[in-house]
C-alpha cells in the first residue's frame, strides 16, 4: 500500500516536513525593530513577522480583526525576490509619522503614507535576526515562545478561529 506524502490545505504541505512548532525565547526578540499595535486592553502579546505583499501575510492580517486584548508586535520583513516592490513600501510605512496608521491604511486602502521621511527601515537587521532563528514568512510567536513559521503557520491558522484559539492557548493570560 502506498503512503500519502502531501495534503492540499490551501497551501501544499508536506507530511514529511510538517513539524511541531518551535520555541523562541521572546526576551531575545529585537523589539526596537518592531512597531506595536494594541487591540482591546493589550494584555496578551503576539509577535508577527510578515511581508506586506505576501498573500498569506495579508490573510493573517485580515484575521487580526477578530482578536481582542492583544498587543501585536510587528516585524516587517519584505521578501524582494518574491515581492520586488515590498522593500519600498515597507520603508514608506516604517518612516512615516505613525507606523500603525500607515500599516492599517495599506491593508485597508492600499495607500502609502504621504508623510514618509527619508530614512532607512532596519530591514537587513530584521532579516538577519529572523533567519538566524529559523523564522520564515509568515510567522507568529506567542507569549510563551511557541512559534509557527512558514507552512506550519499557514496550516495551523487556516481560519480566524484557529488563530484566536492558538492565541488563547499560548498566552500568559488565558481567556
Protein backbone atom coordinates (compact mmCIF):
# COMPACT_ATOMS: atom_id res chain seq x y z
CA UNK A 1 0.00 0.00 0.00
CA UNK A 2 1.37 3.40 -0.99
CA UNK A 3 1.61 6.07 1.76
CA UNK A 4 0.39 9.59 1.01
CA UNK A 5 3.06 12.25 1.34
CA UNK A 6 1.13 15.51 0.84
CA UNK A 7 -2.11 17.16 1.89
CA UNK A 8 -3.63 20.09 -0.02
CA UNK A 9 -4.89 22.57 2.60
CA UNK A 10 -4.88 25.88 0.79
CA UNK A 11 -1.14 25.50 0.51
CA UNK A 12 0.73 22.36 -0.39
CA UNK A 13 2.06 20.95 2.89
CA UNK A 14 4.48 18.04 3.00
CA UNK A 15 3.57 15.48 5.64
CA UNK A 16 7.25 14.58 5.79
CA UNK A 17 8.29 18.07 6.93
CA UNK A 18 5.27 19.41 8.89
CA UNK A 19 6.63 19.79 12.38
CA UNK A 20 5.59 20.69 15.86
CA UNK A 21 6.01 24.40 16.47
CA UNK A 22 9.43 25.55 17.60
CA UNK A 23 10.09 27.72 20.65
CA UNK A 24 11.83 31.08 20.75
CA UNK A 25 12.63 32.99 23.93
CA UNK A 26 10.56 36.16 23.46
CA UNK A 27 13.03 38.06 25.66
CA UNK A 28 15.55 37.75 22.80
CA UNK A 29 13.30 39.46 20.25
CA UNK A 30 14.78 42.76 18.98
CA UNK A 31 11.78 44.88 19.97
CA UNK A 32 13.39 48.06 18.63
CA UNK A 33 12.94 46.54 15.15
CA UNK A 34 9.16 46.26 15.50
CA UNK A 35 6.17 48.50 15.94
CA UNK A 36 3.25 47.69 18.17
CA UNK A 37 -0.49 47.69 17.63
CA UNK A 38 -2.89 47.33 20.55
CA UNK A 39 -6.35 45.80 20.40
CA UNK A 40 -8.55 45.98 23.47
CA UNK A 41 -6.58 46.12 26.71
CA UNK A 42 -3.39 44.69 25.14
CA UNK A 43 -2.99 42.21 27.99
CA UNK A 44 -1.61 39.46 25.74
CA UNK A 45 1.33 39.61 23.35
CA UNK A 46 1.82 38.26 19.87
CA UNK A 47 4.88 38.80 17.66
CA UNK A 48 4.22 38.81 13.92
CA UNK A 49 6.82 38.55 11.14
CA UNK A 50 5.37 39.46 7.75
CA UNK A 51 5.82 40.91 4.28
CA UNK A 52 3.10 43.40 3.38
CA UNK A 53 2.82 41.97 -0.16
CA UNK A 54 2.73 38.30 0.91
CA UNK A 55 -0.74 36.80 0.28
CA UNK A 56 -0.52 34.58 3.37
CA UNK A 57 0.54 37.56 5.49
CA UNK A 58 -2.37 39.56 4.07
CA UNK A 59 -4.77 36.76 5.02
CA UNK A 60 -3.31 36.71 8.53
CA UNK A 61 -3.70 40.48 8.77
CA UNK A 62 -7.40 40.12 7.94
CA UNK A 63 -7.72 37.58 10.78
CA UNK A 64 -6.28 40.00 13.35
CA UNK A 65 -9.57 41.94 13.37
CA UNK A 66 -11.16 39.01 15.21
CA UNK A 67 -8.68 39.16 18.12
CA UNK A 68 -9.21 41.06 21.37
CA UNK A 69 -6.97 42.14 24.22
CA UNK A 70 -3.72 41.65 22.34
CA UNK A 71 -0.62 43.69 21.66
CA UNK A 72 0.71 42.80 18.21
CA UNK A 73 4.42 43.46 17.78
CA UNK A 74 5.01 43.63 14.02
CA UNK A 75 8.35 42.87 12.39
CA UNK A 76 8.15 43.77 8.71
CA UNK A 77 10.36 41.55 6.59
CA UNK A 78 9.84 42.11 2.85
CA UNK A 79 10.98 39.33 0.56
CA UNK A 80 12.19 41.24 -2.50
CA UNK A 81 12.81 38.07 -4.51
CA UNK A 82 9.04 37.39 -4.48
CA UNK A 83 7.70 40.91 -3.99
CA UNK A 84 10.14 43.36 -5.63
CA UNK A 85 8.25 46.50 -4.56
CA UNK A 86 7.78 45.41 -0.92
CA UNK A 87 11.01 47.00 0.42
CA UNK A 88 9.99 50.41 -0.95
CA UNK A 89 6.51 50.13 0.53
CA UNK A 90 7.88 48.88 3.84
CA UNK A 91 10.32 51.78 4.02
CA UNK A 92 7.49 54.28 3.42
CA UNK A 93 5.46 52.77 6.26
CA UNK A 94 8.43 52.47 8.63
CA UNK A 95 9.49 56.07 8.01
CA UNK A 96 6.02 57.59 8.40
CA UNK A 97 4.99 59.65 11.42
CA UNK A 98 2.52 56.94 12.55
CA UNK A 99 3.59 53.41 11.57
CA UNK A 100 0.42 51.81 12.93
CA UNK A 101 -1.87 54.12 10.96
CA UNK A 102 0.26 53.74 7.82
CA UNK A 103 0.23 49.94 8.16
CA UNK A 104 -3.55 49.86 8.60
CA UNK A 105 -4.12 52.21 5.66
CA UNK A 106 -2.00 49.93 3.48
CA UNK A 107 -4.16 46.93 4.39
CA UNK A 108 -7.49 48.79 4.28
CA UNK A 109 -7.00 51.01 1.22
CA UNK A 110 -3.66 50.02 -0.36
CA UNK A 111 -2.35 53.55 0.12
CA UNK A 112 1.09 54.51 1.35
CA UNK A 113 1.71 57.47 3.65
CA UNK A 114 2.46 60.82 2.11
CA UNK A 115 4.39 61.96 5.19
CA UNK A 116 7.19 59.37 4.96
CA UNK A 117 10.54 60.89 5.77
CA UNK A 118 13.80 59.87 4.20
CA UNK A 119 15.03 57.12 6.48
CA UNK A 120 16.06 53.51 6.24
CA UNK A 121 13.90 50.80 7.76
CA UNK A 122 16.01 48.18 9.58
CA UNK A 123 15.15 45.52 7.03
CA UNK A 124 18.55 43.78 6.97
CA UNK A 125 18.65 43.54 10.78
CA UNK A 126 15.15 42.03 10.91
CA UNK A 127 16.06 39.59 8.15
CA UNK A 128 19.31 38.56 9.89
CA UNK A 129 17.57 38.00 13.21
CA UNK A 130 14.69 36.06 11.67
CA UNK A 131 16.82 33.75 9.56
CA UNK A 132 19.21 33.21 12.47
CA UNK A 133 16.25 31.93 14.48
CA UNK A 134 14.80 29.82 11.64
CA UNK A 135 11.86 32.19 11.13
CA UNK A 136 10.39 32.21 7.63
CA UNK A 137 7.27 34.03 6.49
CA UNK A 138 4.65 34.30 7.61
CA UNK A 139 5.41 33.66 11.27
CA UNK A 140 3.87 34.28 14.66
CA UNK A 141 5.42 33.92 18.08
CA UNK A 142 3.14 33.76 21.09
CA UNK A 143 3.91 34.93 24.65
CA UNK A 144 5.07 31.50 25.77
CA UNK A 145 7.56 31.38 22.88
CA UNK A 146 5.57 28.93 20.77
CA UNK A 147 6.45 29.79 17.18
CA UNK A 148 4.68 28.85 13.99
CA UNK A 149 6.56 29.71 10.82
CA UNK A 150 6.01 29.39 7.05
CA UNK A 151 3.96 26.35 6.03
CA UNK A 152 3.37 25.30 9.64
CA UNK A 153 1.89 28.73 10.37
CA UNK A 154 -0.28 28.66 7.24
CA UNK A 155 -1.58 25.20 8.13
CA UNK A 156 -2.16 25.98 11.83
CA UNK A 157 -4.07 29.23 11.14
CA UNK A 158 -6.42 28.42 8.29
CA UNK A 159 -9.29 30.36 9.90
CA UNK A 160 -9.58 33.36 12.25
CA UNK A 161 -10.93 30.97 14.89
CA UNK A 162 -7.79 28.82 14.68
CA UNK A 163 -5.56 31.88 15.20
CA UNK A 164 -7.70 33.03 18.14
CA UNK A 165 -7.55 29.56 19.68
CA UNK A 166 -3.75 29.49 19.41
CA UNK A 167 -3.51 32.96 20.97
CA UNK A 168 -5.74 31.83 23.84
CA UNK A 169 -3.75 28.63 24.33
CA UNK A 170 -0.31 30.23 24.30
CA UNK A 171 -0.96 33.44 26.25
CA UNK A 172 0.11 34.05 29.84
CA UNK A 173 -3.38 35.46 30.47
CA UNK A 174 -5.68 32.60 29.47
CA UNK A 175 -9.07 33.70 28.21
